[in-house]
Amino acid sequence: MEKEINAGYTITDRLTVGNSEFIIGQRDTAPAQFVTWKCIKGEKDYFWGHYLGDRLAAVEDLCKRALEEIEYLRTFQQEKSTSGKTARQVKRHHELER
């Protein structure tokens, strides 16, 4: 597997949640040796970097960011499901009035 590098950091880990990926990068010579980024799955445009001093903190941040994305997707899914039911209920109620 070819080594992937972004902004001088070697990508060591990645976690996919939905259409998003969360990545850990490591650069031994940087003041902040670790970074977590977010990107769109399949793209190499990394953004929202969190720079950290140790690997354990980076893994914790990666997991936290992934869990936040899961919660966001779950909430979005529930809202979509609820609004769909409401629209069907309104339609059924309207059909009964005829």
N, C-alpha and C. Protein backbone atom coordinates (compact mmCIF):
# COMPACT_ATOMS: atom_id res chain seq x y z
N MET A 1 0.83 -1.18 0.00
CA MET A 1 0.00 0.00 0.00
C MET A 1 0.89 1.25 0.00
N GLU A 2 0.58 2.19 -0.86
CA GLU A 2 1.36 3.42 -0.97
C GLU A 2 1.09 4.33 0.22
N LYS A 3 2.17 4.93 0.74
CA LYS A 3 2.05 5.83 1.88
C LYS A 3 1.36 7.12 1.42
N GLU A 4 0.36 7.55 2.18
CA GLU A 4 -0.36 8.78 1.87
C GLU A 4 0.10 9.88 2.81
N ILE A 5 0.39 11.05 2.24
CA ILE A 5 0.89 12.19 3.01
C ILE A 5 0.04 13.41 2.69
N ASN A 6 -0.29 14.16 3.73
CA ASN A 6 -1.00 15.44 3.57
C ASN A 6 -0.34 16.46 4.49
N ALA A 7 0.06 17.60 3.93
CA ALA A 7 0.67 18.69 4.68
C ALA A 7 1.86 18.20 5.52
N GLY A 8 2.60 17.23 4.99
CA GLY A 8 3.76 16.70 5.70
C GLY A 8 3.44 15.63 6.72
N TYR A 9 2.16 15.34 6.94
CA TYR A 9 1.74 14.31 7.90
C TYR A 9 1.43 13.02 7.15
N THR A 10 1.97 11.91 7.64
CA THR A 10 1.67 10.59 7.08
C THR A 10 0.34 10.12 7.65
N ILE A 11 -0.57 9.72 6.77
CA ILE A 11 -1.88 9.22 7.20
C ILE A 11 -1.69 7.82 7.77
N THR A 12 -2.09 7.65 9.02
CA THR A 12 -1.91 6.36 9.69
C THR A 12 -3.22 5.62 9.92
N ASP A 13 -4.30 6.35 10.05
CA ASP A 13 -5.59 5.73 10.36
C ASP A 13 -6.70 6.51 9.68
N ARG A 14 -7.79 5.80 9.37
CA ARG A 14 -8.98 6.48 8.86
C ARG A 14 -10.21 5.71 9.29
N LEU A 15 -11.27 6.46 9.49
CA LEU A 15 -12.53 5.89 9.95
C LEU A 15 -13.64 6.51 9.11
N THR A 16 -14.47 5.68 8.50
CA THR A 16 -15.55 6.16 7.64
C THR A 16 -16.87 6.09 8.37
N VAL A 17 -17.62 7.19 8.29
CA VAL A 17 -18.98 7.26 8.85
C VAL A 17 -19.84 7.92 7.78
N GLY A 18 -20.77 7.14 7.21
CA GLY A 18 -21.60 7.68 6.15
C GLY A 18 -20.74 8.10 4.98
N ASN A 19 -20.88 9.37 4.58
CA ASN A 19 -20.12 9.91 3.45
C ASN A 19 -18.89 10.69 3.91
N SER A 20 -18.55 10.60 5.18
CA SER A 20 -17.42 11.34 5.74
C SER A 20 -16.33 10.38 6.19
N GLU A 21 -15.10 10.87 6.13
CA GLU A 21 -13.97 10.11 6.67
C GLU A 21 -13.24 11.00 7.67
N PHE A 22 -12.73 10.36 8.71
CA PHE A 22 -11.94 11.03 9.73
C PHE A 22 -10.57 10.36 9.71
N ILE A 23 -9.53 11.18 9.69
CA ILE A 23 -8.18 10.70 9.43
C ILE A 23 -7.24 11.15 10.53
N ILE A 24 -6.27 10.28 10.88
CA ILE A 24 -5.16 10.67 11.75
C ILE A 24 -3.92 10.77 10.89
N GLY A 25 -3.20 11.87 11.05
CA GLY A 25 -1.90 12.05 10.41
C GLY A 25 -0.83 12.18 11.48
N GLN A 26 0.38 11.72 11.16
CA GLN A 26 1.49 11.78 12.10
C GLN A 26 2.71 12.37 11.42
N ARG A 27 3.36 13.30 12.13
CA ARG A 27 4.60 13.92 11.64
C ARG A 27 5.52 14.11 12.85
N ASP A 28 6.52 13.28 12.93
CA ASP A 28 7.39 13.25 14.11
C ASP A 28 8.14 14.55 14.35
N THR A 29 8.40 15.34 13.31
CA THR A 29 9.19 16.55 13.46
C THR A 29 8.33 17.80 13.71
N ALA A 30 7.04 17.68 13.75
CA ALA A 30 6.16 18.83 13.95
C ALA A 30 5.96 19.09 15.45
N PRO A 31 5.72 20.34 15.84
CA PRO A 31 5.42 20.64 17.24
C PRO A 31 4.19 19.85 17.74
N ALA A 32 3.16 19.79 16.90
CA ALA A 32 1.99 18.94 17.18
C ALA A 32 2.16 17.72 16.28
N GLN A 33 2.60 16.62 16.85
CA GLN A 33 2.97 15.45 16.04
C GLN A 33 1.79 14.75 15.39
N PHE A 34 0.57 15.00 15.87
CA PHE A 34 -0.60 14.30 15.35
C PHE A 34 -1.67 15.30 14.96
N VAL A 35 -2.49 14.91 13.98
CA VAL A 35 -3.61 15.74 13.55
C VAL A 35 -4.75 14.81 13.16
N THR A 36 -5.97 15.27 13.43
CA THR A 36 -7.14 14.58 12.88
C THR A 36 -7.80 15.55 11.92
N TRP A 37 -8.22 15.02 10.78
CA TRP A 37 -8.91 15.80 9.77
C TRP A 37 -10.22 15.12 9.41
N LYS A 38 -11.09 15.88 8.79
CA LYS A 38 -12.32 15.35 8.20
C LYS A 38 -12.20 15.55 6.70
N CYS A 39 -12.79 14.64 5.92
CA CYS A 39 -12.88 14.82 4.48
C CYS A 39 -14.11 14.06 3.98
N ILE A 40 -14.49 14.36 2.76
CA ILE A 40 -15.57 13.63 2.11
C ILE A 40 -14.99 12.31 1.63
N LYS A 41 -15.72 11.23 1.84
CA LYS A 41 -15.25 9.90 1.48
C LYS A 41 -14.79 9.86 0.03
N GLY A 42 -13.59 9.34 -0.17
CA GLY A 42 -13.05 9.19 -1.52
C GLY A 42 -12.32 10.41 -2.05
N GLU A 43 -12.35 11.51 -1.32
CA GLU A 43 -11.65 12.73 -1.74
C GLU A 43 -10.42 12.95 -0.87
N LYS A 44 -9.52 13.77 -1.34
CA LYS A 44 -8.28 14.04 -0.60
C LYS A 44 -8.24 15.48 -0.09
N ASP A 45 -9.37 16.12 0.03
CA ASP A 45 -9.45 17.50 0.51
C ASP A 45 -9.72 17.48 2.01
N TYR A 46 -8.66 17.46 2.81
CA TYR A 46 -8.78 17.37 4.26
C TYR A 46 -9.06 18.74 4.85
N PHE A 47 -9.95 18.80 5.84
CA PHE A 47 -10.29 20.07 6.47
C PHE A 47 -10.59 19.88 7.94
N TRP A 48 -10.76 21.00 8.65
CA TRP A 48 -11.05 21.02 10.09
C TRP A 48 -10.05 20.20 10.89
N GLY A 49 -8.78 20.55 10.74
CA GLY A 49 -7.73 19.83 11.46
C GLY A 49 -7.71 20.16 12.93
N HIS A 50 -7.57 19.11 13.73
CA HIS A 50 -7.35 19.24 15.17
C HIS A 50 -5.93 18.73 15.43
N TYR A 51 -5.06 19.61 15.89
CA TYR A 51 -3.65 19.27 16.08
C TYR A 51 -3.40 18.90 17.54
N LEU A 52 -2.71 17.76 17.72
CA LEU A 52 -2.55 17.19 19.06
C LEU A 52 -1.12 16.73 19.30
N GLY A 53 -0.76 16.62 20.57
CA GLY A 53 0.61 16.30 20.94
C GLY A 53 0.92 14.83 21.12
N ASP A 54 -0.11 13.98 21.27
CA ASP A 54 0.19 12.55 21.46
C ASP A 54 -0.84 11.68 20.76
N ARG A 55 -0.43 10.46 20.48
CA ARG A 55 -1.25 9.53 19.68
C ARG A 55 -2.56 9.18 20.39
N LEU A 56 -2.52 8.96 21.68
CA LEU A 56 -3.74 8.60 22.41
C LEU A 56 -4.79 9.72 22.30
N ALA A 57 -4.36 10.96 22.42
CA ALA A 57 -5.28 12.09 22.27
C ALA A 57 -5.84 12.14 20.85
N ALA A 58 -5.01 11.81 19.86
CA ALA A 58 -5.47 11.80 18.47
C ALA A 58 -6.51 10.71 18.23
N VAL A 59 -6.28 9.53 18.78
CA VAL A 59 -7.25 8.44 18.63
C VAL A 59 -8.56 8.81 19.32
N GLU A 60 -8.47 9.40 20.51
CA GLU A 60 -9.67 9.84 21.23
C GLU A 60 -10.43 10.89 20.41
N ASP A 61 -9.72 11.85 19.83
CA ASP A 61 -10.36 12.89 19.03
C ASP A 61 -11.00 12.30 17.78
N LEU A 62 -10.32 11.36 17.14
CA LEU A 62 -10.87 10.69 15.96
C LEU A 62 -12.18 10.00 16.31
N CYS A 63 -12.20 9.27 17.41
CA CYS A 63 -13.42 8.56 17.83
C CYS A 63 -14.53 9.53 18.20
N LYS A 64 -14.18 10.60 18.88
CA LYS A 64 -15.18 11.61 19.26
C LYS A 64 -15.81 12.23 18.02
N ARG A 65 -14.99 12.59 17.05
CA ARG A 65 -15.50 13.20 15.83
C ARG A 65 -16.40 12.23 15.07
N ALA A 66 -16.00 10.96 15.02
CA ALA A 66 -16.82 9.95 14.34
C ALA A 66 -18.16 9.76 15.06
N LEU A 67 -18.14 9.72 16.38
CA LEU A 67 -19.39 9.58 17.15
C LEU A 67 -20.30 10.79 16.96
N GLU A 68 -19.73 11.99 16.88
CA GLU A 68 -20.54 13.19 16.62
C GLU A 68 -21.21 13.10 15.25
N GLU A 69 -20.49 12.56 14.27
CA GLU A 69 -21.06 12.40 12.93
C GLU A 69 -22.18 11.36 12.95
N ILE A 70 -21.99 10.29 13.71
CA ILE A 70 -23.05 9.28 13.84
C ILE A 70 -24.30 9.90 14.46
N GLU A 71 -24.13 10.68 15.51
CA GLU A 71 -25.28 11.34 16.15
C GLU A 71 -25.98 12.29 15.19
N TYR A 72 -25.19 13.04 14.42
CA TYR A 72 -25.76 13.95 13.43
C TYR A 72 -26.59 13.18 12.41
N LEU A 73 -26.03 12.09 11.88
CA LEU A 73 -26.75 11.29 10.89
C LEU A 73 -28.00 10.66 11.49
N ARG A 74 -27.90 10.18 12.72
CA ARG A 74 -29.05 9.58 13.38
C ARG A 74 -30.17 10.61 13.57
N THR A 75 -29.82 11.82 14.02
CA THR A 75 -30.81 12.88 14.20
C THR A 75 -31.44 13.26 12.87
N PHE A 76 -30.62 13.41 11.83
CA PHE A 76 -31.12 13.74 10.50
C PHE A 76 -32.08 12.67 10.01
N GLN A 77 -31.72 11.40 10.21
CA GLN A 77 -32.55 10.27 9.78
C GLN A 77 -33.88 10.28 10.53
N GLN A 78 -33.85 10.55 11.83
CA GLN A 78 -35.08 10.58 12.62
C GLN A 78 -35.98 11.74 12.19
N GLU A 79 -35.38 12.91 11.94
CA GLU A 79 -36.17 14.06 11.49
C GLU A 79 -36.80 13.78 10.14
N LYS A 80 -36.05 13.16 9.25
CA LYS A 80 -36.56 12.81 7.92
C LYS A 80 -37.71 11.81 8.04
N SER A 81 -37.54 10.83 8.91
CA SER A 81 -38.57 9.82 9.13
C SER A 81 -39.83 10.45 9.73
N THR A 82 -39.66 11.33 10.70
CA THR A 82 -40.79 11.99 11.35
C THR A 82 -41.52 12.90 10.38
N SER A 83 -40.80 13.68 9.58
CA SER A 83 -41.46 14.58 8.64
C SER A 83 -42.18 13.80 7.55
N GLY A 84 -41.65 12.65 7.16
CA GLY A 84 -42.32 11.81 6.17
C GLY A 84 -43.63 11.26 6.70
N LYS A 85 -43.65 10.84 7.98
CA LYS A 85 -44.87 10.34 8.59
C LYS A 85 -45.91 11.44 8.69
N THR A 86 -45.48 12.63 9.06
CA THR A 86 -46.40 13.75 9.19
C THR A 86 -47.04 14.07 7.84
N ALA A 87 -46.25 14.06 6.79
CA ALA A 87 -46.79 14.36 5.46
C ALA A 87 -47.80 13.29 5.05
N ARG A 88 -47.52 12.02 5.35
CA ARG A 88 -48.47 10.96 5.00
C ARG A 88 -49.74 11.08 5.83
N GLN A 89 -49.59 11.43 7.12
CA GLN A 89 -50.76 11.58 7.98
C GLN A 89 -51.64 12.72 7.48
N VAL A 90 -51.04 13.82 7.06
CA VAL A 90 -51.81 14.96 6.55
C VAL A 90 -52.54 14.54 5.28
N LYS A 91 -51.86 13.82 4.39
CA LYS A 91 -52.48 13.39 3.15
C LYS A 91 -53.65 12.46 3.44
N ARG A 92 -53.48 11.50 4.34
CA ARG A 92 -54.56 10.58 4.68
C ARG A 92 -55.74 11.34 5.27
N HIS A 93 -55.46 12.31 6.14
CA HIS A 93 -56.52 13.09 6.74
C HIS A 93 -57.27 13.87 5.66
N HIS A 94 -56.54 14.41 4.71
CA HIS A 94 -57.15 15.19 3.63
C HIS A 94 -58.01 14.27 2.77
N GLU A 95 -57.54 13.07 2.50
CA GLU A 95 -58.30 12.12 1.67
C GLU A 95 -59.61 11.73 2.38
N LEU A 96 -59.61 11.66 3.69
CA LEU A 96 -60.82 11.28 4.41
C LEU A 96 -61.89 12.38 4.32
N GLU A 97 -61.48 13.61 4.11
CA GLU A 97 -62.43 14.72 4.06
C GLU A 97 -63.25 14.71 2.78
N ARG A 98 -62.86 14.05 1.74
CA ARG A 98 -63.56 14.06 0.47
C ARG A 98 -64.91 13.51 0.56
